[in-house]
Protein backbone atom coordinates (compact mmCIF):
# COMPACT_ATOMS: atom_id res chain seq x y z
CA MET A 1 -2.90 1.75 21.11
CA ASP A 2 -0.42 -1.01 20.24
CA LEU A 3 0.30 -3.51 22.98
CA VAL A 4 3.74 -5.09 22.41
CA VAL A 5 5.19 -8.07 24.28
CA GLU A 6 8.72 -9.30 23.59
CA THR A 7 9.26 -13.04 23.54
CA GLU A 8 12.29 -15.24 23.02
CA ARG A 9 10.69 -16.77 19.94
CA TYR A 10 7.50 -16.81 17.89
CA PRO A 11 4.89 -19.22 19.23
CA GLU A 12 3.85 -22.19 17.13
CA ALA A 13 0.24 -22.30 15.93
CA GLY A 14 -2.00 -22.81 18.97
CA GLU A 15 0.90 -22.52 21.44
CA THR A 16 0.93 -20.20 24.46
CA ILE A 17 4.35 -18.96 25.60
CA ILE A 18 5.64 -16.75 28.42
CA GLY A 19 6.06 -13.09 27.48
CA GLY A 20 8.81 -10.72 28.54
CA LYS A 21 9.05 -6.94 28.30
CA PHE A 22 5.67 -5.20 27.75
CA GLU A 23 5.17 -1.81 26.08
CA GLN A 24 2.23 0.38 25.12
CA ASN A 25 2.81 2.50 22.02
CA HIS A 26 0.76 4.87 19.95
CA GLY A 27 -0.95 2.62 17.48
CA GLY A 28 -3.82 2.65 15.11
CA LYS A 29 -3.24 5.03 12.23
CA GLY A 30 0.02 6.24 13.75
CA ALA A 31 2.29 9.02 12.58
CA ASN A 32 1.94 8.09 8.91
CA TYR A 33 -1.69 9.14 8.99
CA GLU A 34 -0.63 12.66 9.95
CA LEU A 35 1.19 13.01 6.64
CA ASP A 36 -0.74 15.51 4.55
CA PRO A 37 -0.13 17.33 1.23
CA GLU A 38 1.43 20.34 2.99
CA LYS A 39 3.98 18.15 4.76
CA ILE A 40 4.66 16.26 1.54
CA GLU A 41 5.46 19.53 -0.23
CA LYS A 42 8.34 19.93 2.27
CA LEU A 43 9.58 16.46 1.24
CA LYS A 44 9.28 17.15 -2.47
CA ASP A 45 13.06 17.19 -3.08
CA LYS A 46 13.42 13.72 -1.57
CA ILE A 47 10.65 12.36 -3.79
CA ILE A 48 12.24 13.95 -6.86
CA GLU A 49 15.69 12.53 -6.00
CA ALA A 50 14.35 9.01 -5.49
CA GLU A 51 14.57 6.43 -8.25
CA ASN A 52 11.54 4.56 -6.85
CA ILE A 53 8.90 5.29 -4.26
CA LEU A 54 6.86 2.61 -2.47
CA LEU A 55 3.44 3.68 -1.20
CA GLN A 56 0.74 2.02 0.84
CA LEU A 57 -2.70 3.37 1.60
CA GLU A 58 -1.97 3.79 5.30
CA ILE A 59 -1.71 7.53 4.72
CA LYS A 60 -4.47 9.91 3.72
CA MET A 61 -5.61 9.59 0.09
CA ALA A 62 -4.82 13.30 -0.46
CA ALA A 63 -1.23 12.54 0.58
CA VAL A 64 -1.05 9.56 -1.79
CA GLU A 65 -2.36 11.73 -4.61
CA LYS A 66 0.23 14.45 -3.91
CA ILE A 67 3.13 11.97 -3.77
CA VAL A 68 1.97 10.30 -7.00
CA GLU A 69 1.69 13.69 -8.69
CA ILE A 70 5.22 14.75 -7.68
CA ALA A 71 6.74 11.37 -8.51
CA SER A 72 5.10 11.05 -11.92
CA GLU A 73 6.09 14.61 -12.93
CA ASN A 74 9.72 13.79 -12.09
CA ASN A 75 10.05 10.26 -13.50
CA THR A 76 10.25 8.62 -10.08
CA LYS A 77 8.91 5.07 -10.42
CA ILE A 78 5.74 4.56 -8.38
CA ILE A 79 5.20 1.21 -6.67
CA LEU A 80 1.81 1.07 -4.98
CA ASP A 81 0.79 -1.61 -2.51
CA PRO A 82 -2.91 -0.78 -2.11
CA ALA A 83 -3.22 -1.84 1.52
CA PRO A 84 -5.48 -1.35 3.28
CA ALA A 85 -7.34 -1.97 0.03
CA ARG A 86 -10.02 0.32 -1.30
CA GLU A 87 -11.16 1.63 -4.63
CA LEU A 88 -8.58 3.98 -6.16
CA PRO A 89 -9.11 7.15 -8.18
CA ALA A 90 -8.39 6.83 -11.91
CA GLN A 91 -5.79 9.63 -11.75
CA ILE A 92 -3.69 7.53 -9.35
CA LEU A 93 -4.01 4.25 -11.25
CA ALA A 94 -2.97 5.92 -14.50
CA LYS A 95 0.36 6.96 -12.98
CA VAL A 96 1.31 3.75 -11.15
CA ASP A 97 4.33 1.90 -12.55
CA TYR A 98 3.91 -1.22 -10.40
CA LEU A 99 0.72 -2.20 -8.59
CA LEU A 100 1.60 -4.82 -5.99
CA GLN A 101 -1.42 -6.36 -4.31
CA ASN A 102 -2.59 -9.66 -3.00
CA GLU A 103 -5.57 -11.44 -4.48
CA GLY A 104 -7.95 -10.16 -1.79
CA GLU A 105 -6.90 -6.56 -2.43
CA LEU A 106 -7.45 -7.10 -6.14
CA ASN A 107 -11.07 -7.99 -5.36
CA LEU A 108 -11.49 -4.91 -3.16
CA LEU A 109 -10.24 -2.62 -5.93
CA PHE A 110 -13.36 -3.66 -7.86
CA PRO A 111 -16.17 -3.90 -5.29
CA GLN A 112 -18.86 -3.43 -7.94
CA SER A 113 -17.63 -6.37 -10.05
CA GLN A 114 -17.02 -9.38 -7.81
CA SER A 115 -18.01 -11.69 -10.67
CA LYS A 116 -15.03 -10.69 -12.83
CA SER A 117 -12.23 -13.20 -13.11
CA ARG A 118 -8.74 -12.36 -11.87
CA LEU A 119 -7.55 -11.98 -15.47
CA GLU A 120 -10.41 -9.61 -16.32
CA LYS A 121 -9.57 -7.45 -13.28
CA ILE A 122 -5.91 -7.33 -14.29
CA GLU A 123 -6.85 -6.39 -17.86
CA ASP A 124 -9.12 -3.66 -16.48
CA LEU A 125 -6.23 -2.23 -14.42
CA LEU A 126 -3.98 -2.25 -17.49
CA LYS A 127 -6.66 -0.37 -19.45
CA ARG A 128 -6.77 2.20 -16.64
CA GLY A 129 -3.07 2.91 -17.19
CA VAL A 130 -1.29 0.74 -14.61
CA LYS A 131 1.94 -0.28 -16.32
CA ASN A 132 2.82 -3.46 -14.37
CA ILE A 133 0.72 -5.60 -12.03
CA ILE A 134 1.94 -8.11 -9.48
CA VAL A 135 -0.69 -10.18 -7.66
CA THR A 136 0.42 -12.34 -4.75
CA LYS A 137 -1.39 -15.26 -3.26
CA GLY A 138 0.07 -16.08 0.13
CA GLU A 139 3.68 -17.04 -0.36
CA LYS A 140 3.29 -17.38 -4.13
CA VAL A 141 3.26 -14.71 -6.83
CA LEU A 142 0.61 -15.25 -9.49
């Protein structure tokens, strides 16, 4: 359940402000989580027509795998933001054109190797077939 309060402006750090309109919406995993390979098959034409597709891991992994499969077979560029971060199957990484993650997500992609440097992790991703890697650190791109 998402609890949403409208305000006239964003509060400053540590500030309490008066709220306005209040709504309760379906939250949590939301509608995206209901996306499964069967539903994706119905969207296949849209994936094929797209020049690029941007994915996050807020949908089921089977859905991500199906979208990546369709996109890679049809030369649709795949941009993957691995959030919420978790280890990814090799067959997905090998087909990703742009992996866009923050530094924390980069660490979570390699839970078994926390001692590796950032550069070693990036090199490992390149060896796994990722074509381009963008790592952000807050407001800065590394």
